[in-house]
Amino acid sequence: MDDAAKPLTDAERDELERRLAALPDSLEPLDLVSLDGYLCGVLLQPQAVAPAQWLPVVFDVDARPLPAGIDGSRIAALAQRRHAE
């Protein structure tokens, strides 16, 4: 099984939650429970929603961009795997 298709482990879910909580105070990221609800909504759309459209909301409910110097690639990778679950 491709790593991108593997369900998140408990440790990876904890990591995702920690990383989201550690984002700067200027952002309002989703927590893991909210992320799951949001992803349900994304997945129930009649047309597939591209990650470029839904991922920014994971980092900030208003989809504000990440501040310079903040690397969100690990959060994005984990969120996309959660979406694939």
PDB file of N, CA and C in Angstrom:
ATOM      1  N   MET A   1       0.845  -1.185   0.000  1.00  0.00           N
ATOM      2  CA  MET A   1       0.000   0.000   0.000  1.00  0.00           C
ATOM      3  C   MET A   1       0.886   1.243   0.000  1.00  0.00           C
ATOM      4  N   ASP A   2       0.575   2.159  -0.859  1.00  0.00           N
ATOM      5  CA  ASP A   2       1.265   3.438  -0.958  1.00  0.00           C
ATOM      6  C   ASP A   2       1.095   4.211   0.358  1.00  0.00           C
ATOM      7  N   ASP A   3       2.179   4.869   0.837  1.00  0.00           N
ATOM      8  CA  ASP A   3       2.108   5.619   2.107  1.00  0.00           C
ATOM      9  C   ASP A   3       0.993   6.656   2.102  1.00  0.00           C
ATOM     10  N   ALA A   4       0.748   7.293   0.945  1.00  0.00           N
ATOM     11  CA  ALA A   4      -0.286   8.323   0.856  1.00  0.00           C
ATOM     12  C   ALA A   4      -1.679   7.743   1.059  1.00  0.00           C
ATOM     13  N   ALA A   5      -1.834   6.441   0.868  1.00  0.00           N
ATOM     14  CA  ALA A   5      -3.141   5.801   1.014  1.00  0.00           C
ATOM     15  C   ALA A   5      -3.321   5.133   2.372  1.00  0.00           C
ATOM     16  N   LYS A   6      -2.270   5.094   3.186  1.00  0.00           N
ATOM     17  CA  LYS A   6      -2.370   4.449   4.499  1.00  0.00           C
ATOM     18  C   LYS A   6      -3.159   5.327   5.464  1.00  0.00           C
ATOM     19  N   PRO A   7      -4.056   4.707   6.223  1.00  0.00           N
ATOM     20  CA  PRO A   7      -4.736   5.478   7.273  1.00  0.00           C
ATOM     21  C   PRO A   7      -3.718   6.012   8.285  1.00  0.00           C
ATOM     22  N   LEU A   8      -4.044   7.121   8.899  1.00  0.00           N
ATOM     23  CA  LEU A   8      -3.161   7.682   9.912  1.00  0.00           C
ATOM     24  C   LEU A   8      -3.128   6.773  11.136  1.00  0.00           C
ATOM     25  N   THR A   9      -1.950   6.635  11.697  1.00  0.00           N
ATOM     26  CA  THR A   9      -1.815   5.919  12.958  1.00  0.00           C
ATOM     27  C   THR A   9      -2.254   6.848  14.090  1.00  0.00           C
ATOM     28  N   ASP A  10      -2.421   6.305  15.278  1.00  0.00           N
ATOM     29  CA  ASP A  10      -2.749   7.145  16.432  1.00  0.00           C
ATOM     30  C   ASP A  10      -1.676   8.204  16.640  1.00  0.00           C
ATOM     31  N   ALA A  11      -0.422   7.813  16.483  1.00  0.00           N
ATOM     32  CA  ALA A  11       0.686   8.758  16.664  1.00  0.00           C
ATOM     33  C   ALA A  11       0.633   9.870  15.615  1.00  0.00           C
ATOM     34  N   GLU A  12       0.278   9.519  14.399  1.00  0.00           N
ATOM     35  CA  GLU A  12       0.198  10.545  13.347  1.00  0.00           C
ATOM     36  C   GLU A  12      -0.998  11.471  13.572  1.00  0.00           C
ATOM     37  N   ARG A  13      -2.101  10.949  14.061  1.00  0.00           N
ATOM     38  CA  ARG A  13      -3.242  11.817  14.393  1.00  0.00           C
ATOM     39  C   ARG A  13      -2.852  12.778  15.514  1.00  0.00           C
ATOM     40  N   ASP A  14      -2.136  12.267  16.517  1.00  0.00           N
ATOM     41  CA  ASP A  14      -1.652  13.140  17.595  1.00  0.00           C
ATOM     42  C   ASP A  14      -0.702  14.192  17.047  1.00  0.00           C
ATOM     43  N   GLU A  15       0.185  13.775  16.143  1.00  0.00           N
ATOM     44  CA  GLU A  15       1.123  14.727  15.532  1.00  0.00           C
ATOM     45  C   GLU A  15       0.373  15.807  14.767  1.00  0.00           C
ATOM     46  N   LEU A  16      -0.626  15.408  13.993  1.00  0.00           N
ATOM     47  CA  LEU A  16      -1.405  16.377  13.227  1.00  0.00           C
ATOM     48  C   LEU A  16      -2.076  17.377  14.166  1.00  0.00           C
ATOM     49  N   GLU A  17      -2.675  16.875  15.216  1.00  0.00           N
ATOM     50  CA  GLU A  17      -3.339  17.763  16.177  1.00  0.00           C
ATOM     51  C   GLU A  17      -2.325  18.729  16.813  1.00  0.00           C
ATOM     52  N   ARG A  18      -1.153  18.218  17.202  1.00  0.00           N
ATOM     53  CA  ARG A  18      -0.107  19.070  17.801  1.00  0.00           C
ATOM     54  C   ARG A  18       0.370  20.131  16.817  1.00  0.00           C
ATOM     55  N   ARG A  19       0.605  19.724  15.576  1.00  0.00           N
ATOM     56  CA  ARG A  19       1.100  20.672  14.572  1.00  0.00           C
ATOM     57  C   ARG A  19       0.075  21.761  14.278  1.00  0.00           C
ATOM     58  N   LEU A  20      -1.187  21.380  14.200  1.00  0.00           N
ATOM     59  CA  LEU A  20      -2.228  22.387  13.973  1.00  0.00           C
ATOM     60  C   LEU A  20      -2.300  23.354  15.153  1.00  0.00           C
ATOM     61  N   ALA A  21      -2.243  22.827  16.364  1.00  0.00           N
ATOM     62  CA  ALA A  21      -2.314  23.667  17.565  1.00  0.00           C
ATOM     63  C   ALA A  21      -1.104  24.580  17.696  1.00  0.00           C
ATOM     64  N   ALA A  22       0.017  24.202  17.092  1.00  0.00           N
ATOM     65  CA  ALA A  22       1.248  24.985  17.202  1.00  0.00           C
ATOM     66  C   ALA A  22       1.353  26.090  16.153  1.00  0.00           C
ATOM     67  N   LEU A  23       0.384  26.172  15.256  1.00  0.00           N
ATOM     68  CA  LEU A  23       0.436  27.245  14.259  1.00  0.00           C
ATOM     69  C   LEU A  23       0.322  28.593  14.963  1.00  0.00           C
ATOM     70  N   PRO A  24       0.826  29.663  14.335  1.00  0.00           N
ATOM     71  CA  PRO A  24       0.810  30.979  14.984  1.00  0.00           C
ATOM     72  C   PRO A  24      -0.590  31.424  15.404  1.00  0.00           C
ATOM     73  N   ASP A  25      -0.644  32.227  16.455  1.00  0.00           N
ATOM     74  CA  ASP A  25      -1.914  32.735  16.983  1.00  0.00           C
ATOM     75  C   ASP A  25      -2.685  33.581  15.974  1.00  0.00           C
ATOM     76  N   SER A  26      -2.007  34.069  14.947  1.00  0.00           N
ATOM     77  CA  SER A  26      -2.683  34.872  13.927  1.00  0.00           C
ATOM     78  C   SER A  26      -3.605  34.018  13.049  1.00  0.00           C
ATOM     79  N   LEU A  27      -3.478  32.699  13.156  1.00  0.00           N
ATOM     80  CA  LEU A  27      -4.311  31.777  12.376  1.00  0.00           C
ATOM     81  C   LEU A  27      -5.289  31.048  13.298  1.00  0.00           C
ATOM     82  N   GLU A  28      -6.376  30.569  12.726  1.00  0.00           N
ATOM     83  CA  GLU A  28      -7.340  29.768  13.474  1.00  0.00           C
ATOM     84  C   GLU A  28      -7.503  28.421  12.750  1.00  0.00           C
ATOM     85  N   PRO A  29      -6.573  27.489  13.024  1.00  0.00           N
ATOM     86  CA  PRO A  29      -6.621  26.198  12.336  1.00  0.00           C
ATOM     87  C   PRO A  29      -7.745  25.319  12.880  1.00  0.00           C
ATOM     88  N   LEU A  30      -8.121  24.332  12.092  1.00  0.00           N
ATOM     89  CA  LEU A  30      -9.081  23.333  12.550  1.00  0.00           C
ATOM     90  C   LEU A  30      -8.392  22.414  13.557  1.00  0.00           C
ATOM     91  N   ASP A  31      -9.156  21.905  14.521  1.00  0.00           N
ATOM     92  CA  ASP A  31      -8.628  20.831  15.356  1.00  0.00           C
ATOM     93  C   ASP A  31      -9.012  19.524  14.666  1.00  0.00           C
ATOM     94  N   LEU A  32      -8.593  18.409  15.209  1.00  0.00           N
ATOM     95  CA  LEU A  32      -8.796  17.136  14.525  1.00  0.00           C
ATOM     96  C   LEU A  32     -10.276  16.784  14.365  1.00  0.00           C
ATOM     97  N   VAL A  33     -11.079  17.053  15.371  1.00  0.00           N
ATOM     98  CA  VAL A  33     -12.517  16.768  15.281  1.00  0.00           C
ATOM     99  C   VAL A  33     -13.154  17.636  14.197  1.00  0.00           C
ATOM    100  N   SER A  34     -12.807  18.919  14.192  1.00  0.00           N
ATOM    101  CA  SER A  34     -13.337  19.826  13.171  1.00  0.00           C
ATOM    102  C   SER A  34     -12.846  19.436  11.783  1.00  0.00           C
ATOM    103  N   LEU A  35     -11.598  19.007  11.699  1.00  0.00           N
ATOM    104  CA  LEU A  35     -11.053  18.565  10.417  1.00  0.00           C
ATOM    105  C   LEU A  35     -11.863  17.398   9.875  1.00  0.00           C
ATOM    106  N   ASP A  36     -12.185  16.428  10.726  1.00  0.00           N
ATOM    107  CA  ASP A  36     -12.968  15.282  10.269  1.00  0.00           C
ATOM    108  C   ASP A  36     -14.331  15.716   9.749  1.00  0.00           C
ATOM    109  N   GLY A  37     -14.996  16.608  10.455  1.00  0.00           N
ATOM    110  CA  GLY A  37     -16.291  17.107   9.990  1.00  0.00           C
ATOM    111  C   GLY A  37     -16.170  17.860   8.681  1.00  0.00           C
ATOM    112  N   TYR A  38     -15.150  18.692   8.590  1.00  0.00           N
ATOM    113  CA  TYR A  38     -14.906  19.465   7.369  1.00  0.00           C
ATOM    114  C   TYR A  38     -14.651  18.531   6.195  1.00  0.00           C
ATOM    115  N   LEU A  39     -13.825  17.516   6.417  1.00  0.00           N
ATOM    116  CA  LEU A  39     -13.522  16.581   5.333  1.00  0.00           C
ATOM    117  C   LEU A  39     -14.755  15.800   4.900  1.00  0.00           C
ATOM    118  N   CYS A  40     -15.647  15.500   5.827  1.00  0.00           N
ATOM    119  CA  CYS A  40     -16.908  14.854   5.441  1.00  0.00           C
ATOM    120  C   CYS A  40     -17.672  15.748   4.470  1.00  0.00           C
ATOM    121  N   GLY A  41     -17.730  17.036   4.785  1.00  0.00           N
ATOM    122  CA  GLY A  41     -18.400  17.979   3.894  1.00  0.00           C
ATOM    123  C   GLY A  41     -17.722  18.069   2.537  1.00  0.00           C
ATOM    124  N   VAL A  42     -16.404  18.087   2.551  1.00  0.00           N
ATOM    125  CA  VAL A  42     -15.641  18.138   1.291  1.00  0.00           C
ATOM    126  C   VAL A  42     -15.939  16.899   0.454  1.00  0.00           C
ATOM    127  N   LEU A  43     -15.929  15.749   1.090  1.00  0.00           N
ATOM    128  CA  LEU A  43     -16.127  14.488   0.372  1.00  0.00           C
ATOM    129  C   LEU A  43     -17.562  14.309  -0.127  1.00  0.00           C
ATOM    130  N   LEU A  44     -18.527  14.960   0.490  1.00  0.00           N
ATOM    131  CA  LEU A  44     -19.921  14.817   0.086  1.00  0.00           C
ATOM    132  C   LEU A  44     -20.332  15.752  -1.049  1.00  0.00           C
ATOM    133  N   GLN A  45     -19.413  16.589  -1.498  1.00  0.00           N
ATOM    134  CA  GLN A  45     -19.742  17.493  -2.602  1.00  0.00           C
ATOM    135  C   GLN A  45     -20.016  16.700  -3.872  1.00  0.00           C
ATOM    136  N   PRO A  46     -20.940  17.166  -4.707  1.00  0.00           N
ATOM    137  CA  PRO A  46     -21.264  16.432  -5.932  1.00  0.00           C
ATOM    138  C   PRO A  46     -20.094  16.361  -6.919  1.00  0.00           C
ATOM    139  N   GLN A  47     -19.212  17.321  -6.858  1.00  0.00           N
ATOM    140  CA  GLN A  47     -18.000  17.333  -7.687  1.00  0.00           C
ATOM    141  C   GLN A  47     -16.799  17.237  -6.752  1.00  0.00           C
ATOM    142  N   ALA A  48     -15.777  16.521  -7.173  1.00  0.00           N
ATOM    143  CA  ALA A  48     -14.564  16.405  -6.356  1.00  0.00           C
ATOM    144  C   ALA A  48     -13.979  17.794  -6.101  1.00  0.00           C
ATOM    145  N   VAL A  49     -13.551  18.010  -4.871  1.00  0.00           N
ATOM    146  CA  VAL A  49     -12.940  19.284  -4.481  1.00  0.00           C
ATOM    147  C   VAL A  49     -11.433  19.068  -4.431  1.00  0.00           C
ATOM    148  N   ALA A  50     -10.700  19.871  -5.173  1.00  0.00           N
ATOM    149  CA  ALA A  50      -9.244  19.750  -5.233  1.00  0.00           C
ATOM    150  C   ALA A  50      -8.619  20.160  -3.900  1.00  0.00           C
ATOM    151  N   PRO A  51      -7.521  19.500  -3.524  1.00  0.00           N
ATOM    152  CA  PRO A  51      -6.833  19.882  -2.283  1.00  0.00           C
ATOM    153  C   PRO A  51      -6.491  21.378  -2.224  1.00  0.00           C
ATOM    154  N   ALA A  52      -6.171  21.963  -3.343  1.00  0.00           N
ATOM    155  CA  ALA A  52      -5.843  23.394  -3.349  1.00  0.00           C
ATOM    156  C   ALA A  52      -7.015  24.244  -2.876  1.00  0.00           C
ATOM    157  N   GLN A  53      -8.213  23.712  -2.997  1.00  0.00           N
ATOM    158  CA  GLN A  53      -9.402  24.449  -2.553  1.00  0.00           C
ATOM    159  C   GLN A  53      -9.709  24.211  -1.078  1.00  0.00           C
ATOM    160  N   TRP A  54      -9.524  22.978  -0.592  1.00  0.00           N
ATOM    161  CA  TRP A  54      -9.921  22.702   0.787  1.00  0.00           C
ATOM    162  C   TRP A  54      -8.788  22.810   1.797  1.00  0.00           C
ATOM    163  N   LEU A  55      -7.550  22.601   1.373  1.00  0.00           N
ATOM    164  CA  LEU A  55      -6.429  22.618   2.326  1.00  0.00           C
ATOM    165  C   LEU A  55      -6.229  23.948   3.053  1.00  0.00           C
ATOM    166  N   PRO A  56      -6.365  25.098   2.395  1.00  0.00           N
ATOM    167  CA  PRO A  56      -6.129  26.353   3.128  1.00  0.00           C
ATOM    168  C   PRO A  56      -7.000  26.511   4.375  1.00  0.00           C
ATOM    169  N   VAL A  57      -8.207  25.957   4.357  1.00  0.00           N
ATOM    170  CA  VAL A  57      -9.105  26.070   5.511  1.00  0.00           C
ATOM    171  C   VAL A  57      -8.604  25.231   6.685  1.00  0.00           C
ATOM    172  N   VAL A  58      -7.851  24.185   6.413  1.00  0.00           N
ATOM    173  CA  VAL A  58      -7.276  23.358   7.483  1.00  0.00           C
ATOM    174  C   VAL A  58      -6.338  24.214   8.344  1.00  0.00           C
ATOM    175  N   PHE A  59      -5.570  25.061   7.692  1.00  0.00           N
ATOM    176  CA  PHE A  59      -4.606  25.911   8.391  1.00  0.00           C
ATOM    177  C   PHE A  59      -5.253  27.115   9.057  1.00  0.00           C
ATOM    178  N   ASP A  60      -6.365  27.582   8.480  1.00  0.00           N
ATOM    179  CA  ASP A  60      -7.042  28.763   9.006  1.00  0.00           C
ATOM    180  C   ASP A  60      -8.476  28.767   8.484  1.00  0.00           C
ATOM    181  N   VAL A  61      -9.453  28.912   9.376  1.00  0.00           N
ATOM    182  CA  VAL A  61     -10.854  28.840   8.964  1.00  0.00           C
ATOM    183  C   VAL A  61     -11.221  29.909   7.932  1.00  0.00           C
ATOM    184  N   ASP A  62     -10.459  30.986   7.888  1.00  0.00           N
ATOM    185  CA  ASP A  62     -10.687  32.032   6.887  1.00  0.00           C
ATOM    186  C   ASP A  62      -9.765  31.875   5.682  1.00  0.00           C
ATOM    187  N   ALA A  63      -9.024  30.765   5.628  1.00  0.00           N
ATOM    188  CA  ALA A  63      -8.114  30.446   4.522  1.00  0.00           C
ATOM    189  C   ALA A  63      -7.029  31.505   4.324  1.00  0.00           C
ATOM    190  N   ARG A  64      -6.639  32.162   5.427  1.00  0.00           N
ATOM    191  CA  ARG A  64      -5.520  33.112   5.332  1.00  0.00           C
ATOM    192  C   ARG A  64      -4.247  32.320   5.072  1.00  0.00           C
ATOM    193  N   PRO A  65      -3.328  32.897   4.316  1.00  0.00           N
ATOM    194  CA  PRO A  65      -2.087  32.162   4.010  1.00  0.00           C
ATOM    195  C   PRO A  65      -1.200  31.999   5.248  1.00  0.00           C
ATOM    196  N   LEU A  66      -0.395  30.961   5.199  1.00  0.00           N
ATOM    197  CA  LEU A  66       0.585  30.762   6.266  1.00  0.00           C
ATOM    198  C   LEU A  66       1.592  31.898   6.252  1.00  0.00           C
ATOM    199  N   PRO A  67       2.003  32.358   7.414  1.00  0.00           N
ATOM    200  CA  PRO A  67       3.037  33.400   7.467  1.00  0.00           C
ATOM    201  C   PRO A  67       4.352  32.892   6.854  1.00  0.00           C
ATOM    202  N   ALA A  68       5.147  33.807   6.374  1.00  0.00           N
ATOM    203  CA  ALA A  68       6.456  33.458   5.811  1.00  0.00           C
ATOM    204  C   ALA A  68       7.250  32.674   6.847  1.00  0.00           C
ATOM    205  N   GLY A  69       7.941  31.660   6.385  1.00  0.00           N
ATOM    206  CA  GLY A  69       8.781  30.862   7.257  1.00  0.00           C
ATOM    207  C   GLY A  69       8.073  29.686   7.913  1.00  0.00           C
ATOM    208  N   ILE A  70       6.764  29.572   7.739  1.00  0.00           N
ATOM    209  CA  ILE A  70       6.016  28.445   8.299  1.00  0.00           C
ATOM    210  C   ILE A  70       5.844  27.399   7.202  1.00  0.00           C
ATOM    211  N   ASP A  71       6.341  26.208   7.461  1.00  0.00           N
ATOM    212  CA  ASP A  71       6.237  25.114   6.490  1.00  0.00           C
ATOM    213  C   ASP A  71       5.052  24.240   6.880  1.00  0.00           C
ATOM    214  N   GLY A  72       4.053  24.245   6.060  1.00  0.00           N
ATOM    215  CA  GLY A  72       2.857  23.458   6.335  1.00  0.00           C
ATOM    216  C   GLY A  72       2.811  22.140   5.593  1.00  0.00           C
ATOM    217  N   SER A  73       3.928  21.725   5.013  1.00  0.00           N
ATOM    218  CA  SER A  73       3.910  20.531   4.163  1.00  0.00           C
ATOM    219  C   SER A  73       3.561  19.254   4.937  1.00  0.00           C
ATOM    220  N   ARG A  74       4.034  19.109   6.152  1.00  0.00           N
ATOM    221  CA  ARG A  74       3.721  17.903   6.923  1.00  0.00           C
ATOM    222  C   ARG A  74       2.242  17.891   7.304  1.00  0.00           C
ATOM    223  N   ILE A  75       1.713  19.030   7.717  1.00  0.00           N
ATOM    224  CA  ILE A  75       0.291  19.119   8.029  1.00  0.00           C
ATOM    225  C   ILE A  75      -0.529  18.781   6.787  1.00  0.00           C
ATOM    226  N   ALA A  76      -0.141  19.343   5.653  1.00  0.00           N
ATOM    227  CA  ALA A  76      -0.867  19.086   4.405  1.00  0.00           C
ATOM    228  C   ALA A  76      -0.835  17.607   4.051  1.00  0.00           C
ATOM    229  N   ALA A  77       0.313  16.973   4.209  1.00  0.00           N
ATOM    230  CA  ALA A  77       0.437  15.554   3.877  1.00  0.00           C
ATOM    231  C   ALA A  77      -0.450  14.702   4.784  1.00  0.00           C
ATOM    232  N   LEU A  78      -0.437  15.007   6.067  1.00  0.00           N
ATOM    233  CA  LEU A  78      -1.262  14.241   7.005  1.00  0.00           C
ATOM    234  C   LEU A  78      -2.746  14.501   6.752  1.00  0.00           C
ATOM    235  N   ALA A  79      -3.119  15.741   6.486  1.00  0.00           N
ATOM    236  CA  ALA A  79      -4.526  16.070   6.215  1.00  0.00           C
ATOM    237  C   ALA A  79      -5.008  15.379   4.938  1.00  0.00           C
ATOM    238  N   GLN A  80      -4.159  15.307   3.941  1.00  0.00           N
ATOM    239  CA  GLN A  80      -4.548  14.646   2.698  1.00  0.00           C
ATOM    240  C   GLN A  80      -4.704  13.136   2.899  1.00  0.00           C
ATOM    241  N   ARG A  81      -3.878  12.565   3.747  1.00  0.00           N
ATOM    242  CA  ARG A  81      -4.048  11.140   4.066  1.00  0.00           C
ATOM    243  C   ARG A  81      -5.346  10.925   4.836  1.00  0.00           C
ATOM    244  N   ARG A  82      -5.679  11.842   5.740  1.00  0.00           N
ATOM    245  CA  ARG A  82      -6.945  11.744   6.479  1.00  0.00           C
ATOM    246  C   ARG A  82      -8.111  11.836   5.498  1.00  0.00           C
ATOM    247  N   HIS A  83      -8.006  12.708   4.529  1.00  0.00           N
ATOM    248  CA  HIS A  83      -9.015  12.841   3.474  1.00  0.00           C
ATOM    249  C   HIS A  83      -9.158  11.531   2.699  1.00  0.00           C
ATOM    250  N   ALA A  84      -8.054  10.890   2.418  1.00  0.00           N
ATOM    251  CA  ALA A  84      -8.073   9.634   1.647  1.00  0.00           C
ATOM    252  C   ALA A  84      -8.700   8.489   2.450  1.00  0.00           C
ATOM    253  N   GLU A  85      -8.665   8.599   3.763  1.00  0.00           N
ATOM    254  CA  GLU A  85      -9.258   7.549   4.599  1.00  0.00           C
ATOM    255  C   GLU A  85     -10.738   7.469   4.362  1.00  0.00           C
TER     256      GLU A  85
END
